[in-house]
Every structure is written in C-alpha cells, then in structure tokens.
C-alpha cells in the first residue's frame, strides 16, 4: 500500500466518525455547548442513554472527543479545535452546494 493510499484510507476512517447522523449531531452540540454529559445529550438530541453512550465511546476511541470524570459524572468535550474547524467547513460547503447534495441520487435520504 502506498503512503498516499494509506493516507486516503485513514481519512476515510476519520470521515466515518462524521458520517453518522447522530455522531455529527453530538459533535455539533458539543461545539455549541462545550462540555456535556450523556444525559444532557439525550435530553437535547433524543435517543436512548445506551445508544448515546455507544456513540460517545466511538467518538472517544477515534480521538474526536475527550472525557473528564467528575465524581459519578462524566463530561465530554471536543478533543481539538480542528474538529470544530471540520464542522464549520462542512457548514460552509453546504452553503455552497447543499441543494445539490440534498438532491444527489447516490446518497438517498434516510
């Protein structure tokens, strides 16, 4: 495998973290609010606590979020400013071509 191919494969893995609708909503909520607990995310985004915990574990394993235990509570935040940069860049790109993306036949709406 060439270095370029390896870098592309690694980038594809990164974007899988952003590719799930709930994980993307979690990252956006953390970008907006700062630190939140799983219960806070469930209250604002919906879903079950176990499902949310699974998404948080995925985001943490990928290095996109970090946690901070405080007593019996665990607070999560975005791991690096660059994660927020990716979210902002996505918003900018959607401003330019969001309608085309919405109508793209290769990625039908769920």
N, C-alpha and C. Protein backbone atom coordinates (compact mmCIF):
# COMPACT_ATOMS: atom_id res chain seq x y z
N UNK A 1 0.85 -1.17 0.00
CA UNK A 1 0.00 0.00 0.00
C UNK A 1 0.90 1.24 0.00
N UNK A 2 0.65 2.16 -0.92
CA UNK A 2 1.45 3.38 -0.97
C UNK A 2 1.06 4.31 0.16
N UNK A 3 1.94 5.25 0.46
CA UNK A 3 1.67 6.22 1.52
C UNK A 3 0.42 7.03 1.19
N UNK A 4 0.25 7.43 -0.06
CA UNK A 4 -0.94 8.18 -0.45
C UNK A 4 -2.19 7.37 -0.23
N UNK A 5 -2.16 6.09 -0.62
CA UNK A 5 -3.32 5.22 -0.43
C UNK A 5 -3.62 5.04 1.05
N UNK A 6 -2.58 4.90 1.86
CA UNK A 6 -2.77 4.76 3.31
C UNK A 6 -3.38 6.02 3.91
N UNK A 7 -2.92 7.19 3.44
CA UNK A 7 -3.48 8.45 3.94
C UNK A 7 -4.95 8.59 3.56
N UNK A 8 -5.30 8.19 2.36
CA UNK A 8 -6.70 8.25 1.92
C UNK A 8 -7.54 7.29 2.74
N UNK A 9 -7.03 6.09 2.99
CA UNK A 9 -7.77 5.12 3.79
C UNK A 9 -7.97 5.64 5.22
N UNK A 10 -6.96 6.28 5.78
CA UNK A 10 -7.08 6.84 7.11
C UNK A 10 -8.09 7.99 7.14
N UNK A 11 -8.05 8.85 6.12
CA UNK A 11 -9.02 9.95 6.03
C UNK A 11 -10.44 9.41 5.91
N UNK A 12 -10.63 8.32 5.18
CA UNK A 12 -11.96 7.72 5.06
C UNK A 12 -12.45 7.23 6.41
N UNK A 13 -11.55 6.67 7.22
CA UNK A 13 -11.93 6.24 8.57
C UNK A 13 -12.33 7.45 9.41
N UNK A 14 -11.59 8.54 9.30
CA UNK A 14 -11.93 9.76 10.03
C UNK A 14 -13.34 10.22 9.67
N UNK A 15 -13.65 10.26 8.38
CA UNK A 15 -14.94 10.77 7.96
C UNK A 15 -16.09 9.83 8.31
N UNK A 16 -15.80 8.57 8.58
CA UNK A 16 -16.86 7.69 9.09
C UNK A 16 -17.34 8.17 10.45
N UNK A 17 -16.46 8.74 11.24
CA UNK A 17 -16.86 9.31 12.53
C UNK A 17 -17.83 10.46 12.35
N UNK A 18 -17.64 11.23 11.30
CA UNK A 18 -18.53 12.34 10.98
C UNK A 18 -19.74 11.89 10.17
N UNK A 19 -19.69 10.68 9.63
CA UNK A 19 -20.69 10.22 8.67
C UNK A 19 -21.99 9.73 9.27
N UNK A 20 -22.04 9.50 10.55
CA UNK A 20 -23.27 9.06 11.19
C UNK A 20 -24.05 10.29 11.66
N UNK A 21 -25.33 10.32 11.38
CA UNK A 21 -26.15 11.49 11.69
C UNK A 21 -26.13 11.83 13.19
N UNK A 22 -26.25 10.83 14.05
CA UNK A 22 -26.24 11.11 15.50
C UNK A 22 -24.88 11.57 15.97
N UNK A 23 -23.81 10.94 15.48
CA UNK A 23 -22.47 11.38 15.90
C UNK A 23 -22.20 12.81 15.45
N UNK A 24 -22.65 13.15 14.26
CA UNK A 24 -22.48 14.51 13.78
C UNK A 24 -23.29 15.49 14.63
N UNK A 25 -24.51 15.10 15.01
CA UNK A 25 -25.33 15.94 15.89
C UNK A 25 -24.66 16.11 17.25
N UNK A 26 -24.06 15.06 17.77
CA UNK A 26 -23.35 15.13 19.05
C UNK A 26 -22.20 16.13 18.94
N UNK A 27 -21.40 16.01 17.90
CA UNK A 27 -20.27 16.92 17.73
C UNK A 27 -20.74 18.37 17.60
N UNK A 28 -21.81 18.58 16.85
CA UNK A 28 -22.36 19.94 16.71
C UNK A 28 -22.84 20.48 18.05
N UNK A 29 -23.49 19.63 18.84
CA UNK A 29 -23.99 20.05 20.15
C UNK A 29 -22.82 20.35 21.10
N UNK A 30 -21.79 19.54 21.07
CA UNK A 30 -20.62 19.80 21.90
C UNK A 30 -19.90 21.08 21.45
N UNK A 31 -19.86 21.32 20.15
CA UNK A 31 -19.25 22.55 19.63
C UNK A 31 -20.03 23.78 20.12
N UNK A 32 -21.33 23.64 20.21
CA UNK A 32 -22.19 24.74 20.64
C UNK A 32 -22.11 24.96 22.15
N UNK A 33 -22.15 23.86 22.91
CA UNK A 33 -22.33 23.96 24.35
C UNK A 33 -21.06 23.78 25.17
N UNK A 34 -20.03 23.22 24.60
CA UNK A 34 -18.82 22.92 25.38
C UNK A 34 -18.92 21.54 25.98
N UNK A 35 -18.77 21.42 27.27
CA UNK A 35 -18.83 20.12 27.94
C UNK A 35 -20.28 19.72 28.23
N UNK A 36 -20.57 18.45 27.97
CA UNK A 36 -21.90 17.91 28.26
C UNK A 36 -21.76 16.47 28.75
N UNK A 37 -22.76 16.03 29.51
CA UNK A 37 -22.85 14.64 29.93
C UNK A 37 -23.74 13.89 28.94
N UNK A 38 -23.67 12.57 28.97
CA UNK A 38 -24.52 11.76 28.11
C UNK A 38 -25.99 12.10 28.36
N UNK A 39 -26.37 12.30 29.62
CA UNK A 39 -27.77 12.62 29.93
C UNK A 39 -28.18 13.95 29.31
N UNK A 40 -27.26 14.91 29.25
CA UNK A 40 -27.55 16.19 28.61
C UNK A 40 -27.77 16.01 27.11
N UNK A 41 -26.94 15.16 26.50
CA UNK A 41 -27.07 14.92 25.06
C UNK A 41 -28.36 14.18 24.74
N UNK A 42 -28.74 13.23 25.59
CA UNK A 42 -30.01 12.51 25.39
C UNK A 42 -31.17 13.50 25.47
N UNK A 43 -31.11 14.41 26.44
CA UNK A 43 -32.18 15.39 26.60
C UNK A 43 -32.29 16.33 25.40
N UNK A 44 -31.16 16.71 24.83
CA UNK A 44 -31.20 17.67 23.72
C UNK A 44 -31.35 17.01 22.35
N UNK A 45 -30.85 15.78 22.18
CA UNK A 45 -30.85 15.14 20.87
C UNK A 45 -31.82 13.97 20.75
N UNK A 46 -32.26 13.45 21.89
CA UNK A 46 -33.14 12.29 21.87
C UNK A 46 -32.36 11.00 21.82
N UNK A 47 -33.09 9.90 21.71
CA UNK A 47 -32.45 8.59 21.70
C UNK A 47 -32.34 8.03 23.10
N UNK A 48 -31.75 6.87 23.19
CA UNK A 48 -31.59 6.21 24.49
C UNK A 48 -30.21 6.50 25.05
N UNK A 49 -30.10 6.36 26.36
CA UNK A 49 -28.82 6.60 27.00
C UNK A 49 -27.77 5.57 26.54
N UNK A 50 -28.18 4.32 26.36
CA UNK A 50 -27.21 3.30 25.93
C UNK A 50 -26.73 3.58 24.50
N UNK A 51 -27.62 4.00 23.63
CA UNK A 51 -27.24 4.34 22.25
C UNK A 51 -26.28 5.52 22.26
N UNK A 52 -26.61 6.55 23.05
CA UNK A 52 -25.76 7.74 23.13
C UNK A 52 -24.39 7.37 23.69
N UNK A 53 -24.36 6.52 24.71
CA UNK A 53 -23.08 6.09 25.28
C UNK A 53 -22.23 5.36 24.25
N UNK A 54 -22.86 4.56 23.41
CA UNK A 54 -22.13 3.88 22.34
C UNK A 54 -21.52 4.85 21.35
N UNK A 55 -22.29 5.87 20.97
CA UNK A 55 -21.75 6.89 20.07
C UNK A 55 -20.60 7.65 20.71
N UNK A 56 -20.74 7.95 22.01
CA UNK A 56 -19.67 8.67 22.70
C UNK A 56 -18.40 7.81 22.77
N UNK A 57 -18.57 6.52 23.00
CA UNK A 57 -17.41 5.62 23.03
C UNK A 57 -16.72 5.61 21.67
N UNK A 58 -17.48 5.58 20.60
CA UNK A 58 -16.92 5.61 19.25
C UNK A 58 -16.14 6.90 19.02
N UNK A 59 -16.76 8.03 19.36
CA UNK A 59 -16.10 9.32 19.16
C UNK A 59 -14.84 9.45 20.01
N UNK A 60 -14.90 8.90 21.21
CA UNK A 60 -13.74 8.94 22.10
C UNK A 60 -12.63 8.02 21.57
N UNK A 61 -12.99 6.81 21.15
CA UNK A 61 -12.00 5.87 20.61
C UNK A 61 -11.28 6.46 19.39
N UNK A 62 -11.99 7.26 18.62
CA UNK A 62 -11.41 7.88 17.42
C UNK A 62 -10.65 9.16 17.73
N UNK A 63 -10.69 9.60 18.98
CA UNK A 63 -9.96 10.80 19.36
C UNK A 63 -10.67 12.10 19.01
N UNK A 64 -11.96 12.03 18.69
CA UNK A 64 -12.70 13.25 18.35
C UNK A 64 -13.26 13.95 19.58
N UNK A 65 -13.48 13.20 20.67
CA UNK A 65 -13.90 13.78 21.94
C UNK A 65 -13.03 13.22 23.05
N UNK A 66 -12.98 13.95 24.14
CA UNK A 66 -12.30 13.50 25.35
C UNK A 66 -13.29 13.62 26.50
N UNK A 67 -13.02 12.88 27.56
CA UNK A 67 -13.92 12.95 28.71
C UNK A 67 -13.18 13.44 29.94
N UNK A 68 -14.00 13.90 30.90
CA UNK A 68 -13.47 14.38 32.17
C UNK A 68 -14.40 13.88 33.27
N UNK A 69 -13.96 12.85 34.00
CA UNK A 69 -14.79 12.37 35.11
C UNK A 69 -14.83 13.40 36.24
N UNK A 70 -15.99 13.53 36.83
CA UNK A 70 -16.16 14.40 37.99
C UNK A 70 -17.12 13.69 38.94
N UNK A 71 -16.58 13.04 39.94
CA UNK A 71 -17.40 12.22 40.82
C UNK A 71 -18.00 11.08 40.02
N UNK A 72 -19.32 10.95 40.09
CA UNK A 72 -20.01 9.89 39.34
C UNK A 72 -20.42 10.33 37.93
N UNK A 73 -20.13 11.56 37.59
CA UNK A 73 -20.49 12.09 36.29
C UNK A 73 -19.28 12.10 35.36
N UNK A 74 -19.56 12.02 34.06
CA UNK A 74 -18.50 12.14 33.06
C UNK A 74 -18.93 13.22 32.08
N UNK A 75 -18.07 14.20 31.90
CA UNK A 75 -18.32 15.29 30.97
C UNK A 75 -17.49 15.06 29.71
N UNK A 76 -18.09 15.30 28.56
CA UNK A 76 -17.43 15.13 27.27
C UNK A 76 -17.27 16.49 26.60
N UNK A 77 -16.18 16.63 25.86
CA UNK A 77 -15.95 17.83 25.06
C UNK A 77 -15.19 17.43 23.80
N UNK A 78 -15.22 18.30 22.84
CA UNK A 78 -14.47 18.06 21.60
C UNK A 78 -12.97 18.09 21.92
N UNK A 79 -12.25 17.16 21.33
CA UNK A 79 -10.84 16.95 21.67
C UNK A 79 -9.91 18.04 21.15
N UNK A 80 -10.23 18.62 20.00
CA UNK A 80 -9.31 19.59 19.39
C UNK A 80 -10.11 20.61 18.57
N UNK A 81 -9.57 21.80 18.50
CA UNK A 81 -10.23 22.86 17.72
C UNK A 81 -10.42 22.47 16.26
N UNK A 82 -9.55 21.61 15.76
CA UNK A 82 -9.64 21.19 14.36
C UNK A 82 -10.95 20.45 14.07
N UNK A 83 -11.50 19.75 15.07
CA UNK A 83 -12.78 19.07 14.89
C UNK A 83 -13.87 20.10 14.61
N UNK A 84 -13.85 21.19 15.37
CA UNK A 84 -14.81 22.27 15.14
C UNK A 84 -14.56 22.89 13.77
N UNK A 85 -13.31 22.98 13.38
CA UNK A 85 -12.98 23.50 12.05
C UNK A 85 -13.59 22.67 10.94
N UNK A 86 -13.57 21.35 11.10
CA UNK A 86 -14.19 20.47 10.10
C UNK A 86 -15.69 20.73 10.05
N UNK A 87 -16.32 20.88 11.22
CA UNK A 87 -17.76 21.15 11.26
C UNK A 87 -18.09 22.49 10.57
N UNK A 88 -17.29 23.51 10.85
CA UNK A 88 -17.52 24.83 10.23
C UNK A 88 -17.29 24.77 8.72
N UNK A 89 -16.26 24.05 8.30
CA UNK A 89 -16.00 23.91 6.87
C UNK A 89 -17.15 23.18 6.18
N UNK A 90 -17.72 22.18 6.86
CA UNK A 90 -18.87 21.46 6.30
C UNK A 90 -20.06 22.41 6.14
N UNK A 91 -20.28 23.27 7.13
CA UNK A 91 -21.36 24.25 7.02
C UNK A 91 -21.14 25.17 5.83
N UNK A 92 -19.90 25.63 5.65
CA UNK A 92 -19.58 26.49 4.51
C UNK A 92 -19.82 25.78 3.19
N UNK A 93 -19.38 24.54 3.10
CA UNK A 93 -19.56 23.76 1.88
C UNK A 93 -21.04 23.53 1.60
N UNK A 94 -21.82 23.25 2.63
CA UNK A 94 -23.26 23.06 2.45
C UNK A 94 -23.92 24.35 1.99
N UNK A 95 -23.40 25.48 2.43
CA UNK A 95 -23.91 26.76 1.94
C UNK A 95 -23.70 26.93 0.45
N UNK A 96 -22.64 26.35 -0.07
CA UNK A 96 -22.33 26.45 -1.50
C UNK A 96 -23.06 25.40 -2.33
N UNK A 97 -23.14 24.17 -1.82
CA UNK A 97 -23.67 23.09 -2.66
C UNK A 97 -24.65 22.19 -1.92
N UNK A 98 -25.27 22.70 -0.88
CA UNK A 98 -26.20 21.90 -0.09
C UNK A 98 -27.38 21.37 -0.89
N UNK A 99 -27.90 22.19 -1.79
CA UNK A 99 -29.05 21.74 -2.60
C UNK A 99 -28.65 20.57 -3.50
N UNK A 100 -27.47 20.65 -4.10
CA UNK A 100 -27.00 19.55 -4.94
C UNK A 100 -26.78 18.29 -4.12
N UNK A 101 -26.23 18.45 -2.93
CA UNK A 101 -26.00 17.30 -2.06
C UNK A 101 -27.33 16.68 -1.65
N UNK A 102 -28.31 17.53 -1.32
CA UNK A 102 -29.63 17.03 -0.93
C UNK A 102 -30.29 16.25 -2.06
N UNK A 103 -30.08 16.67 -3.29
CA UNK A 103 -30.71 16.02 -4.44
C UNK A 103 -29.87 14.91 -5.04
N UNK A 104 -28.68 14.66 -4.52
CA UNK A 104 -27.77 13.66 -5.08
C UNK A 104 -28.40 12.27 -5.04
N UNK A 105 -28.54 11.62 -6.18
CA UNK A 105 -29.17 10.29 -6.21
C UNK A 105 -28.29 9.18 -5.62
N UNK A 106 -27.01 9.45 -5.43
CA UNK A 106 -26.12 8.45 -4.87
C UNK A 106 -26.27 8.29 -3.36
N UNK A 107 -26.83 9.30 -2.70
CA UNK A 107 -27.00 9.28 -1.26
C UNK A 107 -28.44 9.65 -0.92
N UNK A 108 -29.35 8.69 -1.07
CA UNK A 108 -30.76 9.00 -0.80
C UNK A 108 -30.97 9.33 0.67
N UNK A 109 -31.99 10.11 0.94
CA UNK A 109 -32.33 10.48 2.32
C UNK A 109 -32.73 9.24 3.10
N UNK A 110 -32.38 9.20 4.38
CA UNK A 110 -32.74 8.01 5.20
C UNK A 110 -34.24 7.90 5.40
